[in-house]
């Protein structure tokens, strides 16, 4: 499957910068994988059958939750694109139902970046793009938001 931006580029339009949602979306899945592994380690510490069976059942549930959360985070990252071309900004989310946002670079009035402390440490944040017509669009939890902003504002 080709990327969305490759399908919509106009003649003479060049892709300048492409980013995606940050890997922080995997954090709940990572937590579940750690819990499943910890429960498996705990099973080796007991000899009573009922405790071992309980820990194995809990580890299985945690592993299934981790598998679901891993797939969901991967799918969200796979179906989300955020790009800057020499003419416009393009953001696409979704697979079956698609939500797109496109704005001409000439219509951009301001670009604001919001980052938490963890966002600054791990280089992710939210970007809000305001247009001349008082319309604004927020793009949540993207990787390298400052670099994204710089490609929009540097013309």
N, C-alpha and C. Protein backbone atom coordinates (compact mmCIF):
# COMPACT_ATOMS: atom_id res chain seq x y z
N UNK A 1 0.83 -1.17 0.00
CA UNK A 1 0.00 0.00 0.00
C UNK A 1 0.88 1.24 0.00
N UNK A 2 0.63 2.13 -0.93
CA UNK A 2 1.42 3.35 -1.05
C UNK A 2 1.01 4.34 0.02
N UNK A 3 1.92 5.24 0.30
CA UNK A 3 1.61 6.29 1.25
C UNK A 3 0.62 7.26 0.65
N UNK A 4 -0.19 7.86 1.50
CA UNK A 4 -1.21 8.81 1.07
C UNK A 4 -0.60 10.01 0.36
N UNK A 5 0.50 10.52 0.87
CA UNK A 5 1.13 11.70 0.28
C UNK A 5 1.61 11.43 -1.14
N UNK A 6 2.05 10.20 -1.41
CA UNK A 6 2.51 9.86 -2.76
C UNK A 6 1.36 9.89 -3.76
N UNK A 7 0.15 9.60 -3.29
CA UNK A 7 -1.01 9.59 -4.17
C UNK A 7 -1.57 10.98 -4.46
N UNK A 8 -1.29 11.96 -3.60
CA UNK A 8 -1.93 13.27 -3.76
C UNK A 8 -0.97 14.39 -4.17
N UNK A 9 0.30 14.09 -4.33
CA UNK A 9 1.25 15.15 -4.73
C UNK A 9 0.86 15.73 -6.09
N UNK A 10 0.86 17.04 -6.17
CA UNK A 10 0.54 17.75 -7.40
C UNK A 10 1.80 17.91 -8.25
N UNK A 11 1.66 18.18 -9.54
CA UNK A 11 2.85 18.41 -10.38
C UNK A 11 3.66 19.60 -9.84
N UNK A 12 4.94 19.39 -9.67
CA UNK A 12 5.82 20.42 -9.16
C UNK A 12 5.90 20.48 -7.65
N UNK A 13 5.11 19.67 -6.97
CA UNK A 13 5.11 19.65 -5.50
C UNK A 13 6.13 18.63 -5.00
N UNK A 14 6.93 19.04 -4.02
CA UNK A 14 7.96 18.16 -3.46
C UNK A 14 7.73 17.96 -1.96
N UNK A 15 7.95 16.75 -1.51
CA UNK A 15 7.86 16.44 -0.09
C UNK A 15 9.11 16.97 0.60
N UNK A 16 8.92 17.82 1.63
CA UNK A 16 10.04 18.39 2.36
C UNK A 16 10.30 17.67 3.67
N UNK A 17 9.23 17.31 4.38
CA UNK A 17 9.40 16.71 5.70
C UNK A 17 8.23 15.78 5.98
N UNK A 18 8.51 14.66 6.59
CA UNK A 18 7.49 13.69 6.94
C UNK A 18 7.74 13.21 8.37
N UNK A 19 6.68 13.15 9.16
CA UNK A 19 6.79 12.65 10.52
C UNK A 19 5.59 11.77 10.81
N UNK A 20 5.57 11.18 11.96
CA UNK A 20 4.52 10.26 12.34
C UNK A 20 4.20 10.48 13.81
N UNK A 21 3.22 9.76 14.33
CA UNK A 21 2.97 9.82 15.76
C UNK A 21 4.16 9.18 16.47
N UNK A 22 4.39 9.61 17.67
CA UNK A 22 5.56 9.17 18.44
C UNK A 22 5.39 7.74 18.94
N UNK A 23 6.49 7.08 19.22
CA UNK A 23 6.45 5.70 19.70
C UNK A 23 5.87 5.60 21.11
N UNK A 24 5.61 6.72 21.77
CA UNK A 24 5.04 6.71 23.12
C UNK A 24 3.69 5.98 23.15
N UNK A 25 3.04 5.86 21.98
CA UNK A 25 1.79 5.11 21.89
C UNK A 25 2.00 3.64 22.28
N UNK A 26 3.22 3.14 22.21
CA UNK A 26 3.52 1.77 22.59
C UNK A 26 3.68 1.58 24.10
N UNK A 27 3.71 2.67 24.87
CA UNK A 27 3.99 2.58 26.30
C UNK A 27 3.01 1.69 27.07
N UNK A 28 1.68 1.76 26.86
CA UNK A 28 0.80 0.82 27.57
C UNK A 28 1.09 -0.64 27.23
N UNK A 29 1.40 -0.90 25.96
CA UNK A 29 1.73 -2.28 25.56
C UNK A 29 3.02 -2.74 26.22
N UNK A 30 4.00 -1.87 26.29
CA UNK A 30 5.27 -2.22 26.94
C UNK A 30 5.02 -2.55 28.41
N UNK A 31 4.16 -1.75 29.07
CA UNK A 31 3.83 -2.03 30.47
C UNK A 31 3.17 -3.39 30.65
N UNK A 32 2.29 -3.75 29.75
CA UNK A 32 1.64 -5.07 29.83
C UNK A 32 2.63 -6.19 29.56
N UNK A 33 3.54 -6.01 28.62
CA UNK A 33 4.56 -7.04 28.36
C UNK A 33 5.45 -7.23 29.59
N UNK A 34 5.82 -6.13 30.26
CA UNK A 34 6.64 -6.22 31.47
C UNK A 34 5.87 -6.95 32.57
N UNK A 35 4.57 -6.64 32.72
CA UNK A 35 3.76 -7.32 33.73
C UNK A 35 3.65 -8.82 33.43
N UNK A 36 3.46 -9.18 32.17
CA UNK A 36 3.37 -10.60 31.81
C UNK A 36 4.68 -11.32 32.12
N UNK A 37 5.78 -10.68 31.78
CA UNK A 37 7.09 -11.28 32.07
C UNK A 37 7.33 -11.41 33.57
N UNK A 38 6.95 -10.38 34.33
CA UNK A 38 7.12 -10.44 35.79
C UNK A 38 6.28 -11.56 36.39
N UNK A 39 5.06 -11.74 35.88
CA UNK A 39 4.22 -12.83 36.39
C UNK A 39 4.79 -14.20 36.05
N UNK A 40 5.41 -14.32 34.90
CA UNK A 40 6.07 -15.59 34.57
C UNK A 40 7.25 -15.86 35.49
N UNK A 41 7.99 -14.82 35.84
CA UNK A 41 9.10 -14.98 36.78
C UNK A 41 8.59 -15.38 38.15
N UNK A 42 7.47 -14.79 38.57
CA UNK A 42 6.89 -15.10 39.87
C UNK A 42 6.46 -16.57 39.94
N UNK A 43 6.00 -17.14 38.84
CA UNK A 43 5.59 -18.56 38.85
C UNK A 43 6.74 -19.48 39.24
N UNK A 44 7.96 -19.08 38.95
CA UNK A 44 9.13 -19.92 39.27
C UNK A 44 9.47 -19.85 40.75
N UNK A 45 8.88 -18.91 41.48
CA UNK A 45 9.20 -18.74 42.90
C UNK A 45 8.30 -19.57 43.82
N UNK A 46 7.23 -20.13 43.29
CA UNK A 46 6.27 -20.87 44.12
C UNK A 46 6.18 -22.31 43.65
N UNK A 47 5.82 -23.18 44.61
CA UNK A 47 5.59 -24.57 44.26
C UNK A 47 4.14 -24.98 44.41
N UNK A 48 3.34 -24.16 45.08
CA UNK A 48 1.92 -24.48 45.22
C UNK A 48 1.25 -24.34 43.85
N UNK A 49 0.49 -25.38 43.50
CA UNK A 49 -0.13 -25.40 42.17
C UNK A 49 -1.11 -24.27 41.93
N UNK A 50 -1.91 -23.94 42.93
CA UNK A 50 -2.93 -22.91 42.73
C UNK A 50 -2.30 -21.54 42.51
N UNK A 51 -1.19 -21.24 43.16
CA UNK A 51 -0.51 -19.94 42.96
C UNK A 51 0.15 -19.91 41.59
N UNK A 52 0.76 -21.02 41.21
CA UNK A 52 1.40 -21.09 39.89
C UNK A 52 0.34 -20.94 38.79
N UNK A 53 -0.78 -21.64 38.93
CA UNK A 53 -1.84 -21.54 37.93
C UNK A 53 -2.42 -20.12 37.87
N UNK A 54 -2.59 -19.50 39.04
CA UNK A 54 -3.10 -18.12 39.06
C UNK A 54 -2.14 -17.18 38.35
N UNK A 55 -0.85 -17.31 38.63
CA UNK A 55 0.16 -16.44 37.99
C UNK A 55 0.23 -16.70 36.48
N UNK A 56 0.12 -17.94 36.07
CA UNK A 56 0.14 -18.25 34.64
C UNK A 56 -1.10 -17.68 33.94
N UNK A 57 -2.24 -17.78 34.60
CA UNK A 57 -3.47 -17.22 34.02
C UNK A 57 -3.36 -15.69 33.91
N UNK A 58 -2.85 -15.07 34.96
CA UNK A 58 -2.68 -13.61 34.93
C UNK A 58 -1.66 -13.20 33.88
N UNK A 59 -0.58 -13.98 33.73
CA UNK A 59 0.42 -13.68 32.71
C UNK A 59 -0.17 -13.83 31.31
N UNK A 60 -1.03 -14.81 31.11
CA UNK A 60 -1.69 -14.98 29.82
C UNK A 60 -2.60 -13.82 29.51
N UNK A 61 -3.36 -13.38 30.50
CA UNK A 61 -4.25 -12.22 30.30
C UNK A 61 -3.43 -10.97 29.99
N UNK A 62 -2.35 -10.77 30.74
CA UNK A 62 -1.50 -9.60 30.51
C UNK A 62 -0.85 -9.67 29.12
N UNK A 63 -0.44 -10.86 28.69
CA UNK A 63 0.17 -11.00 27.37
C UNK A 63 -0.85 -10.75 26.26
N UNK A 64 -2.08 -11.22 26.45
CA UNK A 64 -3.13 -10.95 25.45
C UNK A 64 -3.45 -9.46 25.37
N UNK A 65 -3.50 -8.80 26.53
CA UNK A 65 -3.73 -7.35 26.55
C UNK A 65 -2.56 -6.63 25.87
N UNK A 66 -1.34 -7.08 26.14
CA UNK A 66 -0.17 -6.47 25.53
C UNK A 66 -0.18 -6.67 24.02
N UNK A 67 -0.58 -7.84 23.57
CA UNK A 67 -0.66 -8.10 22.14
C UNK A 67 -1.69 -7.18 21.48
N UNK A 68 -2.86 -7.04 22.10
CA UNK A 68 -3.89 -6.15 21.57
C UNK A 68 -3.40 -4.70 21.54
N UNK A 69 -2.79 -4.23 22.64
CA UNK A 69 -2.32 -2.85 22.70
C UNK A 69 -1.17 -2.60 21.73
N UNK A 70 -0.32 -3.60 21.53
CA UNK A 70 0.77 -3.46 20.56
C UNK A 70 0.22 -3.33 19.15
N UNK A 71 -0.73 -4.17 18.81
CA UNK A 71 -1.34 -4.10 17.48
C UNK A 71 -2.05 -2.77 17.27
N UNK A 72 -2.80 -2.33 18.27
CA UNK A 72 -3.53 -1.06 18.16
C UNK A 72 -2.58 0.12 17.97
N UNK A 73 -1.49 0.16 18.73
CA UNK A 73 -0.52 1.25 18.59
C UNK A 73 0.17 1.18 17.23
N UNK A 74 0.55 -0.01 16.78
CA UNK A 74 1.18 -0.16 15.47
C UNK A 74 0.23 0.30 14.37
N UNK A 75 -1.03 -0.11 14.45
CA UNK A 75 -2.01 0.24 13.42
C UNK A 75 -2.24 1.74 13.38
N UNK A 76 -2.29 2.38 14.55
CA UNK A 76 -2.45 3.84 14.60
C UNK A 76 -1.26 4.53 13.95
N UNK A 77 -0.07 4.06 14.24
CA UNK A 77 1.12 4.67 13.61
C UNK A 77 1.15 4.40 12.12
N UNK A 78 0.74 3.22 11.71
CA UNK A 78 0.77 2.85 10.29
C UNK A 78 -0.23 3.65 9.47
N UNK A 79 -1.36 4.01 10.06
CA UNK A 79 -2.41 4.70 9.32
C UNK A 79 -2.41 6.21 9.52
N UNK A 80 -1.38 6.75 10.13
CA UNK A 80 -1.30 8.18 10.35
C UNK A 80 -0.06 8.73 9.64
N UNK A 81 -0.25 9.79 8.88
CA UNK A 81 0.85 10.45 8.18
C UNK A 81 0.75 11.95 8.41
N UNK A 82 1.87 12.59 8.59
CA UNK A 82 1.93 14.04 8.71
C UNK A 82 3.10 14.51 7.86
N UNK A 83 2.81 15.34 6.86
CA UNK A 83 3.83 15.73 5.89
C UNK A 83 3.79 17.24 5.62
N UNK A 84 4.93 17.76 5.24
CA UNK A 84 5.04 19.14 4.77
C UNK A 84 5.64 19.09 3.37
N UNK A 85 4.95 19.70 2.42
CA UNK A 85 5.49 19.83 1.07
C UNK A 85 5.88 21.28 0.85
N UNK A 86 6.37 21.58 -0.34
CA UNK A 86 6.73 22.96 -0.61
C UNK A 86 5.49 23.84 -0.81
N UNK A 87 4.28 23.24 -0.87
CA UNK A 87 3.06 24.01 -1.08
C UNK A 87 2.06 23.92 0.08
N UNK A 88 2.06 22.83 0.85
CA UNK A 88 1.01 22.64 1.85
C UNK A 88 1.43 21.69 2.96
N UNK A 89 0.57 21.64 3.98
CA UNK A 89 0.69 20.71 5.09
C UNK A 89 -0.41 19.66 4.90
N UNK A 90 -0.06 18.40 5.07
CA UNK A 90 -1.03 17.31 4.90
C UNK A 90 -0.94 16.40 6.12
N UNK A 91 -2.11 16.14 6.72
CA UNK A 91 -2.19 15.21 7.85
C UNK A 91 -3.33 14.24 7.57
N UNK A 92 -3.06 12.94 7.68
CA UNK A 92 -4.06 11.91 7.41
C UNK A 92 -4.08 10.92 8.54
N UNK A 93 -5.31 10.58 9.00
CA UNK A 93 -5.51 9.54 10.01
C UNK A 93 -6.56 8.58 9.51
N UNK A 94 -6.41 7.32 9.85
CA UNK A 94 -7.45 6.34 9.56
C UNK A 94 -7.14 5.43 8.40
N UNK A 95 -7.89 4.33 8.35
CA UNK A 95 -7.70 3.33 7.31
C UNK A 95 -8.99 3.17 6.50
N UNK A 96 -10.04 2.69 7.14
CA UNK A 96 -11.31 2.54 6.44
C UNK A 96 -12.02 3.89 6.41
N UNK A 97 -12.18 4.50 7.57
CA UNK A 97 -12.67 5.87 7.60
C UNK A 97 -11.43 6.76 7.69
N UNK A 98 -11.38 7.75 6.87
CA UNK A 98 -10.18 8.59 6.76
C UNK A 98 -10.52 10.02 7.15
N UNK A 99 -9.65 10.61 7.95
CA UNK A 99 -9.77 12.03 8.30
C UNK A 99 -8.50 12.72 7.81
N UNK A 100 -8.67 13.69 6.93
CA UNK A 100 -7.52 14.39 6.40
C UNK A 100 -7.63 15.87 6.70
N UNK A 101 -6.48 16.50 6.77
CA UNK A 101 -6.38 17.94 6.99
C UNK A 101 -5.29 18.43 6.05
N UNK A 102 -5.61 19.40 5.24
CA UNK A 102 -4.63 20.01 4.33
C UNK A 102 -4.75 21.51 4.44
N UNK A 103 -3.61 22.18 4.46
CA UNK A 103 -3.60 23.63 4.52
C UNK A 103 -2.44 24.15 3.69
N UNK A 104 -2.74 25.14 2.86
CA UNK A 104 -1.71 25.78 2.07
C UNK A 104 -0.74 26.50 2.99
N UNK A 105 0.55 26.42 2.69
CA UNK A 105 1.54 27.10 3.52
C UNK A 105 1.33 28.61 3.52
N UNK A 106 0.76 29.14 2.45
CA UNK A 106 0.50 30.58 2.38
C UNK A 106 -0.59 31.01 3.35
N UNK A 107 -1.46 30.10 3.76
CA UNK A 107 -2.58 30.41 4.65
C UNK A 107 -2.23 30.24 6.13
N UNK A 108 -1.03 29.74 6.45
CA UNK A 108 -0.65 29.50 7.83
C UNK A 108 -0.35 30.84 8.52
N UNK A 109 -1.08 31.10 9.61
CA UNK A 109 -0.85 32.32 10.38
C UNK A 109 0.14 32.06 11.52
N UNK A 110 -0.01 30.93 12.21
CA UNK A 110 0.90 30.61 13.30
C UNK A 110 0.94 29.11 13.53
N UNK A 111 2.03 28.68 14.13
CA UNK A 111 2.21 27.28 14.50
C UNK A 111 2.69 27.25 15.94
N UNK A 112 1.91 26.59 16.81
CA UNK A 112 2.32 26.49 18.21
C UNK A 112 2.59 25.04 18.57
N UNK A 113 3.58 24.85 19.42
CA UNK A 113 3.99 23.52 19.86
C UNK A 113 3.79 23.43 21.36
N UNK A 114 3.12 22.39 21.81
CA UNK A 114 2.93 22.13 23.24
C UNK A 114 3.61 20.82 23.58
N UNK A 115 4.55 20.89 24.54
CA UNK A 115 5.26 19.69 24.97
C UNK A 115 5.26 19.63 26.49
N UNK A 116 5.02 18.46 27.02
CA UNK A 116 5.17 18.23 28.46
C UNK A 116 6.66 18.03 28.75
N UNK A 117 6.97 17.83 30.01
CA UNK A 117 8.37 17.55 30.38
C UNK A 117 8.83 16.26 29.72
N UNK A 118 7.98 15.22 29.82
CA UNK A 118 8.32 13.95 29.17
C UNK A 118 8.40 14.11 27.66
N UNK A 119 7.51 14.94 27.10
CA UNK A 119 7.55 15.21 25.67
C UNK A 119 8.84 15.89 25.24
N UNK A 120 9.34 16.79 26.07
CA UNK A 120 10.62 17.43 25.74
C UNK A 120 11.77 16.44 25.82
N UNK A 121 11.72 15.56 26.83
CA UNK A 121 12.79 14.57 26.98
C UNK A 121 12.78 13.56 25.84
N UNK A 122 11.59 13.12 25.42
CA UNK A 122 11.47 12.08 24.40
C UNK A 122 11.18 12.63 23.01
N UNK A 123 11.12 13.96 22.88
CA UNK A 123 10.95 14.65 21.60
C UNK A 123 9.62 14.33 20.92
N UNK A 124 8.52 14.58 21.64
CA UNK A 124 7.20 14.50 21.03
C UNK A 124 6.33 15.62 21.60
N UNK A 125 5.23 15.91 20.93
CA UNK A 125 4.34 16.95 21.41
C UNK A 125 3.16 17.15 20.48
N UNK A 126 2.34 18.14 20.82
CA UNK A 126 1.18 18.51 20.03
C UNK A 126 1.47 19.79 19.27
N UNK A 127 1.04 19.84 18.03
CA UNK A 127 1.24 21.02 17.18
C UNK A 127 -0.14 21.55 16.80
N UNK A 128 -0.35 22.85 16.98
CA UNK A 128 -1.59 23.50 16.57
C UNK A 128 -1.26 24.49 15.46
N UNK A 129 -1.91 24.31 14.32
CA UNK A 129 -1.68 25.16 13.16
C UNK A 129 -2.89 26.05 12.98
N UNK A 130 -2.67 27.36 13.01
CA UNK A 130 -3.76 28.32 12.83
C UNK A 130 -3.65 28.95 11.45
N UNK A 131 -4.81 29.09 10.80
CA UNK A 131 -4.81 29.68 9.46
C UNK A 131 -5.23 31.14 9.54
N UNK A 132 -5.11 31.82 8.42
CA UNK A 132 -5.46 33.23 8.32
C UNK A 132 -6.94 33.42 8.63
N UNK A 133 -7.80 32.49 8.24
CA UNK A 133 -9.23 32.59 8.45
C UNK A 133 -9.69 32.18 9.84
N UNK A 134 -8.83 32.21 10.82
CA UNK A 134 -9.14 31.89 12.21
C UNK A 134 -9.52 30.43 12.43
N UNK A 135 -9.16 29.56 11.53
CA UNK A 135 -9.38 28.12 11.71
C UNK A 135 -8.08 27.53 12.24
N UNK A 136 -8.21 26.59 13.17
CA UNK A 136 -7.00 25.95 13.68
C UNK A 136 -7.21 24.44 13.70
N UNK A 137 -6.11 23.74 13.56
CA UNK A 137 -6.12 22.27 13.55
C UNK A 137 -5.01 21.79 14.47
N UNK A 138 -5.34 20.85 15.35
CA UNK A 138 -4.35 20.29 16.28
C UNK A 138 -3.93 18.92 15.80
N UNK A 139 -2.64 18.69 15.80
CA UNK A 139 -2.07 17.38 15.48
C UNK A 139 -1.42 16.87 16.76
N UNK A 140 -1.93 15.77 17.28
CA UNK A 140 -1.54 15.28 18.60
C UNK A 140 -0.38 14.30 18.55
N UNK A 141 0.50 14.41 19.51
CA UNK A 141 1.56 13.45 19.83
C UNK A 141 2.39 13.05 18.62
N UNK A 142 2.96 14.04 17.94
CA UNK A 142 3.82 13.71 16.81
C UNK A 142 5.28 13.73 17.25
N UNK A 143 6.09 12.99 16.55
CA UNK A 143 7.52 12.95 16.81
C UNK A 143 8.16 14.21 16.24
N UNK A 144 9.15 14.72 16.91
CA UNK A 144 9.93 15.88 16.50
C UNK A 144 9.05 17.07 16.11
N UNK A 145 8.24 17.57 17.05
CA UNK A 145 7.33 18.67 16.69
C UNK A 145 8.05 19.97 16.34
N UNK A 146 9.20 20.23 16.93
CA UNK A 146 9.93 21.46 16.61
C UNK A 146 10.48 21.44 15.20
N UNK A 147 10.99 20.29 14.77
CA UNK A 147 11.46 20.17 13.38
C UNK A 147 10.30 20.32 12.42
N UNK A 148 9.14 19.75 12.76
CA UNK A 148 7.95 19.89 11.94
C UNK A 148 7.56 21.37 11.82
N UNK A 149 7.54 22.07 12.95
CA UNK A 149 7.22 23.50 12.94
C UNK A 149 8.21 24.28 12.09
N UNK A 150 9.49 23.95 12.21
CA UNK A 150 10.52 24.68 11.45
C UNK A 150 10.34 24.52 9.94
N UNK A 151 9.92 23.34 9.50
CA UNK A 151 9.70 23.14 8.07
C UNK A 151 8.47 23.91 7.58
N UNK A 152 7.53 24.18 8.48
CA UNK A 152 6.35 24.96 8.09
C UNK A 152 6.69 26.45 8.04
N UNK A 153 7.41 26.93 9.06
CA UNK A 153 7.66 28.37 9.16
C UNK A 153 8.81 28.85 8.30
N UNK A 154 9.78 27.99 7.99
CA UNK A 154 10.92 28.40 7.17
C UNK A 154 10.54 28.28 5.69
N UNK A 155 10.45 29.41 5.03
CA UNK A 155 10.03 29.39 3.61
C UNK A 155 11.12 29.97 2.76
